[in-house]
Amino acid sequence: MIRYFDGISWRIVPIRRDFKQRGAAIIACPGPSLQKIDTSSLRGPGRTVIGINTSYPKVIPDYWIGLDNPLCYDRKLLFEPFNKIFRVQYADTDWYNIKLHSYYNTYFTETVNIKYDQFYAVLNKERLAYPWINNTITYALGFALSLGFREIYLIGADFDKKLNYFDNRILSKEAKKWNTNAYKYTKEFFKYLIYSGQNQKIGLNLYSASPISKLNEFMPYKSLDSLYKEIEQTLPSPGELKHCTEIHPREKQKKKKEQDKSKKKLDKV
């Protein structure tokens, strides 16, 4: 369940779709390979970008998801116009003397801790909470599926325990250890997804779009350039732009009658 605060009460956002969405979803993670991607070309017709964690501000997504404490993220994030999703327990957090839930296009989600073999069951159950498997990328996958996407690409999802992030930030030993364990568990989740055939049961085409990702050991790889070319072939041409009077004859006729009346008045004069 995803909710927002309208100033008086909480309202549910009905984002789930029970039909297959056309186009592709790109989940952008902050792994080292993100540095080599032209992120300015990510967004465009036929694709929806879901950025997670510190992929912003390098990636300007359509949706952004961050389920850790808001202090983990760039301070300008709350002032961006795109949709942002936080965990519901942070809704009352003060952010520059304003509650987090009072910022525009800011939403809050409930999650449920699961084992990776429960992923689809929880996602499709009562729709009260999204599955959480110790990593925001798995939540983002569930989110993309709930939007109806069945062709999903992962960028910056490298699972490299030596180079954690694209911005080469210095991490403590404790943080590196935490990341290593999270990478290992999440990688096992994706292995399960592919080897068990769970992805095939719902028609999910899941690709790694990072050439150095450890996921490439078992997940099909496809470059973003290949994706863009495929999408371009499916898009309609811009077509000839028309004025509304060319599309609606009645309006055109009405305009002509008004012009004729004006002309007659001038002739009488």
Protein backbone atom coordinates (compact mmCIF):
# COMPACT_ATOMS: atom_id res chain seq x y z
CA MET A 1 0.00 0.00 0.00
CA ILE A 2 1.28 3.46 -0.94
CA ARG A 3 -0.22 6.55 0.67
CA TYR A 4 0.11 10.32 0.74
CA PHE A 5 -1.04 13.03 3.14
CA ASP A 6 -3.44 15.58 1.64
CA GLY A 7 -3.11 18.03 4.52
CA ILE A 8 -6.05 16.59 6.44
CA SER A 9 -5.95 12.82 6.13
CA TRP A 10 -4.04 9.96 4.52
CA ARG A 11 -5.15 8.73 1.09
CA ILE A 12 -4.29 5.53 -0.74
CA VAL A 13 -2.65 5.80 -4.16
CA PRO A 14 -4.13 3.19 -6.54
CA ILE A 15 -1.04 2.61 -8.68
CA ARG A 16 -1.43 -1.14 -9.23
CA ARG A 17 -2.31 -2.38 -12.69
CA ASP A 18 -3.67 -5.81 -13.56
CA PHE A 19 -2.72 -5.51 -17.22
CA LYS A 20 0.63 -5.79 -18.94
CA GLN A 21 2.16 -2.35 -19.37
CA ARG A 22 3.66 -1.52 -22.76
CA GLY A 23 7.27 -0.37 -22.78
CA ALA A 24 10.11 -1.09 -20.39
CA ALA A 25 11.03 -0.14 -16.83
CA ILE A 26 14.64 0.74 -16.01
CA ILE A 27 15.67 0.37 -12.37
CA ALA A 28 18.69 2.59 -11.69
CA CYS A 29 20.96 1.56 -8.81
CA PRO A 30 24.06 3.45 -7.55
CA GLY A 31 26.67 0.79 -8.43
CA PRO A 32 30.05 1.72 -10.01
CA SER A 33 28.95 1.12 -13.62
CA LEU A 34 26.43 3.97 -13.32
CA GLN A 35 29.37 6.37 -13.70
CA LYS A 36 29.85 5.22 -17.32
CA ILE A 37 26.20 5.54 -18.35
CA ASP A 38 24.83 8.59 -20.14
CA THR A 39 22.01 9.09 -17.65
CA SER A 40 20.66 12.11 -19.57
CA SER A 41 19.34 9.69 -22.22
CA LEU A 42 17.61 7.31 -19.82
CA ARG A 43 14.19 8.93 -19.84
CA GLY A 44 12.14 9.00 -23.00
CA PRO A 45 9.10 7.57 -24.79
CA GLY A 46 8.47 3.89 -24.15
CA ARG A 47 10.47 3.64 -20.94
CA THR A 48 9.95 4.50 -17.28
CA VAL A 49 12.94 5.11 -14.98
CA ILE A 50 12.78 4.03 -11.33
CA GLY A 51 15.77 5.39 -9.41
CA ILE A 52 16.73 4.03 -6.01
CA ASN A 53 18.75 5.43 -3.11
CA THR A 54 21.78 7.51 -4.08
CA SER A 55 21.36 7.06 -7.83
CA TYR A 56 19.89 10.57 -7.51
CA PRO A 57 21.08 13.20 -8.46
CA LYS A 58 23.05 11.49 -11.23
CA VAL A 59 19.79 9.91 -12.37
CA ILE A 60 16.67 12.07 -12.64
CA PRO A 61 13.96 9.37 -12.61
CA ASP A 62 10.21 9.20 -13.12
CA TYR A 63 9.90 7.53 -9.72
CA TRP A 64 12.46 7.53 -6.92
CA ILE A 65 12.50 5.02 -4.03
CA GLY A 66 14.52 5.25 -0.83
CA LEU A 67 13.57 3.11 2.16
CA ASP A 68 16.36 4.06 4.56
CA ASN A 69 16.45 7.09 6.83
CA PRO A 70 16.01 10.27 4.71
CA LEU A 71 19.38 11.54 6.00
CA CYS A 72 21.00 8.93 3.72
CA TYR A 73 20.02 10.95 0.65
CA ASP A 74 20.84 14.20 -1.12
CA ARG A 75 19.21 17.14 0.66
CA LYS A 76 17.78 18.57 -2.58
CA LEU A 77 15.74 15.42 -3.19
CA LEU A 78 12.57 16.66 -1.49
CA PHE A 79 12.51 19.73 -3.72
CA GLU A 80 12.43 17.70 -6.95
CA PRO A 81 9.10 17.41 -8.85
CA PHE A 82 9.29 13.67 -9.59
CA ASN A 83 7.47 11.09 -7.43
CA LYS A 84 9.35 10.04 -4.29
CA ILE A 85 8.57 7.01 -2.13
CA PHE A 86 9.76 6.64 1.47
CA ARG A 87 8.99 4.13 4.18
CA VAL A 88 5.91 5.11 6.17
CA GLN A 89 7.71 5.36 9.53
CA TYR A 90 9.60 8.42 8.26
CA ALA A 91 6.46 10.38 7.32
CA ASP A 92 6.64 12.63 10.40
CA THR A 93 10.37 13.30 10.08
CA ASP A 94 11.23 17.01 10.15
CA TRP A 95 12.97 18.19 6.99
CA TYR A 96 13.97 21.85 7.09
CA ASN A 97 11.21 22.49 9.66
CA ILE A 98 8.57 20.82 7.49
CA LYS A 99 7.22 17.30 7.94
CA LEU A 100 8.37 14.93 5.23
CA HIS A 101 4.75 14.09 4.36
CA SER A 102 4.10 17.76 3.52
CA TYR A 103 6.48 17.90 0.55
CA TYR A 104 4.91 17.66 -2.90
CA ASN A 105 4.90 14.38 -4.82
CA THR A 106 6.05 12.54 -1.69
CA TYR A 107 4.53 9.14 -0.93
CA PHE A 108 4.93 6.53 1.79
CA THR A 109 4.92 2.77 1.61
CA GLU A 110 4.38 -0.14 3.95
CA THR A 111 6.62 -3.17 3.59
CA VAL A 112 6.64 -6.74 4.86
CA ASN A 113 9.84 -8.71 5.54
CA ILE A 114 9.90 -11.96 3.59
CA LYS A 115 12.18 -14.68 2.32
CA TYR A 116 12.89 -14.50 -1.40
CA ASP A 117 10.79 -17.55 -2.28
CA GLN A 118 7.72 -15.67 -0.96
CA PHE A 119 8.18 -12.70 -3.28
CA TYR A 120 5.35 -13.24 -5.78
CA ALA A 121 2.95 -14.62 -3.19
CA VAL A 122 3.24 -11.49 -1.04
CA LEU A 123 3.20 -9.14 -4.03
CA ASN A 124 -0.05 -10.60 -5.29
CA LYS A 125 -1.71 -11.24 -1.94
CA GLU A 126 -3.97 -8.65 -0.32
CA ARG A 127 -1.98 -5.75 -1.71
CA LEU A 128 -1.51 -4.24 1.73
CA ALA A 129 2.30 -4.11 1.70
CA TYR A 130 5.20 -4.54 -0.69
CA PRO A 131 7.78 -7.32 -0.23
CA TRP A 132 11.04 -6.27 1.42
CA ILE A 133 14.10 -8.49 1.12
CA ASN A 134 16.74 -6.36 2.82
CA ASN A 135 17.42 -4.31 -0.29
CA THR A 136 15.61 -1.46 -2.05
CA ILE A 137 16.24 -3.01 -5.46
CA THR A 138 13.91 -5.91 -4.66
CA TYR A 139 11.23 -3.46 -3.54
CA ALA A 140 11.73 -1.52 -6.79
CA LEU A 141 11.26 -4.73 -8.77
CA GLY A 142 7.95 -5.39 -6.99
CA PHE A 143 6.94 -1.78 -7.59
CA ALA A 144 7.67 -2.03 -11.33
CA LEU A 145 5.69 -5.28 -11.53
CA SER A 146 2.75 -3.68 -9.75
CA LEU A 147 2.76 -0.90 -12.34
CA GLY A 148 2.26 -3.60 -14.95
CA PHE A 149 5.78 -3.74 -16.40
CA ARG A 150 7.01 -7.14 -17.51
CA GLU A 151 10.17 -6.01 -19.31
CA ILE A 152 12.55 -4.70 -16.68
CA TYR A 153 16.21 -3.63 -16.95
CA LEU A 154 18.71 -3.19 -14.11
CA ILE A 155 21.48 -0.59 -14.40
CA GLY A 156 24.15 0.15 -11.81
CA ALA A 157 23.26 -3.16 -10.14
CA ASP A 158 26.82 -4.50 -10.04
CA PHE A 159 27.06 -6.28 -6.67
CA ASP A 160 30.78 -5.50 -6.54
CA LYS A 161 32.00 -5.80 -2.96
CA LYS A 162 35.21 -3.89 -3.75
CA LEU A 163 33.63 -0.90 -5.52
CA ASN A 164 30.30 -0.26 -3.84
CA TYR A 165 29.15 3.00 -5.43
CA PHE A 166 29.67 5.00 -8.62
CA ASP A 167 30.81 8.10 -6.69
CA ASN A 168 33.72 6.29 -4.97
CA ARG A 169 32.70 7.44 -1.50
CA ILE A 170 34.73 6.12 1.43
CA LEU A 171 32.88 3.59 3.58
CA SER A 172 33.62 2.32 7.05
CA LYS A 173 34.46 -1.36 7.58
CA GLU A 174 31.04 -1.87 9.13
CA ALA A 175 29.29 -0.30 6.11
CA LYS A 176 31.33 -2.42 3.67
CA LYS A 177 30.46 -5.56 5.60
CA TRP A 178 26.77 -4.63 5.60
CA ASN A 179 26.86 -4.02 1.83
CA THR A 180 28.65 -7.30 1.17
CA ASN A 181 26.01 -9.28 3.05
CA ALA A 182 23.18 -7.38 1.35
CA TYR A 183 24.72 -7.97 -2.10
CA LYS A 184 25.15 -11.68 -1.43
CA TYR A 185 21.57 -12.17 -0.24
CA THR A 186 20.06 -10.06 -3.02
CA LYS A 187 22.12 -11.85 -5.67
CA GLU A 188 20.74 -15.16 -4.35
CA PHE A 189 17.23 -13.73 -4.70
CA PHE A 190 17.79 -12.98 -8.38
CA LYS A 191 19.33 -16.44 -8.88
CA TYR A 192 16.22 -17.99 -7.37
CA LEU A 193 14.03 -15.84 -9.60
CA ILE A 194 15.82 -17.03 -12.75
CA TYR A 195 16.63 -20.66 -11.90
CA SER A 196 13.24 -21.46 -10.36
CA GLY A 197 11.43 -20.14 -13.41
CA GLN A 198 9.33 -17.84 -11.22
CA ASN A 199 9.96 -14.98 -13.66
CA GLN A 200 8.58 -17.05 -16.55
CA LYS A 201 5.35 -17.79 -14.69
CA ILE A 202 4.32 -14.16 -14.83
CA GLY A 203 5.97 -13.39 -18.17
CA LEU A 204 8.76 -11.31 -16.66
CA ASN A 205 11.69 -10.53 -18.96
CA LEU A 206 14.43 -9.39 -16.58
CA TYR A 207 17.73 -8.09 -17.97
CA SER A 208 21.01 -6.79 -16.62
CA ALA A 209 22.08 -3.68 -18.54
CA SER A 210 25.40 -3.27 -16.69
CA PRO A 211 28.35 -4.89 -18.49
CA ILE A 212 30.33 -5.45 -15.27
CA SER A 213 27.46 -6.74 -13.12
CA LYS A 214 27.85 -10.02 -11.24
CA LEU A 215 24.25 -10.72 -12.28
CA ASN A 216 25.52 -11.39 -15.82
CA GLU A 217 26.68 -14.81 -14.60
CA PHE A 218 23.08 -16.05 -14.79
CA MET A 219 20.87 -13.18 -16.00
CA PRO A 220 20.64 -12.21 -19.69
CA TYR A 221 22.51 -9.02 -20.54
CA LYS A 222 21.20 -6.37 -22.94
CA SER A 223 22.74 -2.97 -23.49
CA LEU A 224 20.73 0.22 -23.14
CA ASP A 225 21.53 1.10 -26.77
CA SER A 226 19.87 -2.14 -27.88
CA LEU A 227 16.85 -1.35 -25.73
CA TYR A 228 16.55 2.18 -27.14
CA LYS A 229 16.68 0.87 -30.72
CA GLU A 230 14.01 -1.74 -30.02
CA ILE A 231 11.75 0.85 -28.43
CA GLU A 232 12.26 3.29 -31.29
CA GLN A 233 10.97 0.68 -33.74
CA THR A 234 7.72 0.30 -31.79
CA LEU A 235 6.93 4.00 -31.42
CA PRO A 236 4.55 5.75 -33.84
CA SER A 237 5.80 8.64 -35.98
CA PRO A 238 4.88 12.12 -34.73
CA GLY A 239 2.30 12.42 -37.52
CA GLU A 240 0.90 15.61 -39.02
CA LEU A 241 -0.22 18.08 -36.38
CA LYS A 242 -3.71 19.43 -36.96
CA HIS A 243 -5.64 22.39 -35.67
CA CYS A 244 -8.81 21.52 -33.76
CA THR A 245 -10.98 23.09 -36.50
CA GLU A 246 -9.57 20.58 -38.99
CA ILE A 247 -10.57 17.70 -36.73
CA HIS A 248 -14.03 18.94 -35.73
CA PRO A 249 -16.00 19.95 -38.86
CA ARG A 250 -18.83 21.44 -36.80
CA GLU A 251 -16.47 23.94 -35.25
CA LYS A 252 -15.09 24.70 -38.70
CA GLN A 253 -18.59 25.18 -40.12
CA LYS A 254 -19.59 27.37 -37.17
CA LYS A 255 -16.52 29.51 -37.72
CA LYS A 256 -17.34 29.80 -41.44
CA LYS A 257 -20.93 30.87 -40.67
CA GLU A 258 -19.65 33.52 -38.27
CA GLN A 259 -17.27 34.76 -40.94
CA ASP A 260 -20.11 34.85 -43.52
CA LYS A 261 -22.32 36.85 -41.13
CA SER A 262 -19.53 39.33 -40.55
CA LYS A 263 -18.99 39.64 -44.28
CA LYS A 264 -22.71 40.32 -44.92
CA LYS A 265 -22.74 43.04 -42.28
CA LEU A 266 -19.77 44.69 -43.95
CA ASP A 267 -21.47 44.44 -47.39
CA LYS A 268 -24.59 46.19 -46.03
CA VAL A 269 -22.45 48.98 -44.68
